Amino acid sequence: MLYHLFEWFARQKIKFPGSELLQFQTVRVLLALLLSLVITLLFGKKLIRMLSRRLGGETVRDLGLAGEQQKKGTPTMGGIIIILGIMVPTLLFANLSTVYVWLMLIATVWLGIIGFVDDYLKLRAKKIAVQQGIAYKKGDKDGLAGWFKVFGQVGLGILVGSVLYFNSEVKIWREYVGTPAASDTSVHRIPVNGTVKYFVESKDPITTIPFVKDHEFNYTKLLPQALWKYSWVLYILVVIFIITAVSNGANITDGIDGLATGTSALIGVCLGIFAYASGNFLFADYLNIMYIPNLGELSIYIAAMIGACIGFLWYNSYPAQVFMGDTGSLTLGGVIASIAIIVHKELLIPIFCGVFLVELVSVMMQVSYFKYTKKKTGVGKRIFLMSPLHHHYQKKGYHEAKIVTRFWILTIFCVLLSIATLKLR
């Protein structure tokens, strides 16, 4: 909003000291980062007190883990702090006429509402049990049904996939091979280092293949030529799968203090670099990656997300004063997946979201092997001492602060490896 306000002032030739700074994207990125930190740090404490007073604290299941009983009564639903830290700076400093910014704001609110309702229903079930004098045990039936959360993730996948495929403002520039006719107005002529390069706009559903020289892949090629006109169906299904998987991966990762928050902030740095590079013609040309017009505005949203996660980590680090709950974890996972798809780096998700992937796969392996062995032998066996993987290491006697720190270090390595793919191919 401030961006548009000062843009209007500029058109009216009204000048204020420093008003022209908002024309620079890097300045707005820094302002979004700082404001999100201020919001989460200054208002986080007040929100934590309000959540504790009105909704009560989290109920912790007895899993036999060290320190788990100390977490009883810790307020949850702290993802509200993260969402506010993302939304306010983005609305103030981003160019709201950009489709990518609006898409991410909608995705944030969409998943935030689903997570909020789930957390609220769990806390409400606990409150009713306490009022009735019934022994309360935390279970899966307290919140939203699992199928409803998946339905919400699928709905977001349909929205994101449809907008990216059909919206006329979503396009990439691809280098034109040869010399176009002078009368061809569909070709963009851009002077680069003393020479003229030619580019055409494309709407093809393309992604980037890491570590490959010819690093672009068109999803349409997965279909027989007779079905190419239905490539939008395939693309939307891919988007649905990615958003659902990453959102659930982040949700599972949020099991010990600061793990999902810090990991999400580090992944945000990676995505911010991708968005800024692909949205800047000179960087995109130098790195030989696809140029996506108007994508640079998305870096403002990502900066706000990073700042919100870091600010929330002040209260969520061990020992946590607040948990983000599904309000935060479902939202962060969903927006990370959506951004990765927007910047055409979804095939890199297994790398920079490596911690989310390992946590999710550990649960799938544990459950599948337990069911298989129980069916075969009558006694279910386990691969890990407990899943997700962070609980396995807790069972082995590692302090959760050490587990979180080491998972952060692994994420830093994965992020650096992902960034290296911009030139390493």
Foldseek 3Di string as FASTA:
>chain_A
DQLVVLVVCVVVVHDDVPSCVLVDLVSLLVVLLVQLLCQLQVCVVVVQVVQCVPLWCDDFAPPVFPPRVVRHGQGEQSLVSLLVLLPVSLVNRFDVVDPLSVLLNVLLVLQLVQQVQQVRQLSVVVVVCVVVVHDDDDDPVRGDHPVVSLVSLLVSLLVLLCCLQPPPLWWWKDWDPDDDDPPPPQWDWDDDPNDTTIIGIDRFQWFFQFQDPPTIDGQLVVDPPVCSVVSSVVSSVVSSVLLSLQLVLLQLQQPAFLQSLLLLLLLLVLLLVLQLQLQDVVSCVVLVHIRIHPSNSVSSSSSSSNSNSVSCSVQRHPVHSYGSGSSNSSSSSNSSSSSCSSSRNNVLCCQLVVSSVLQVVQVVQQVVQQVVCCVVPVGGDGPAPDGDPLVSVSVVPDDSNVVSVVSSVSSNVSSVVSNCSSRND
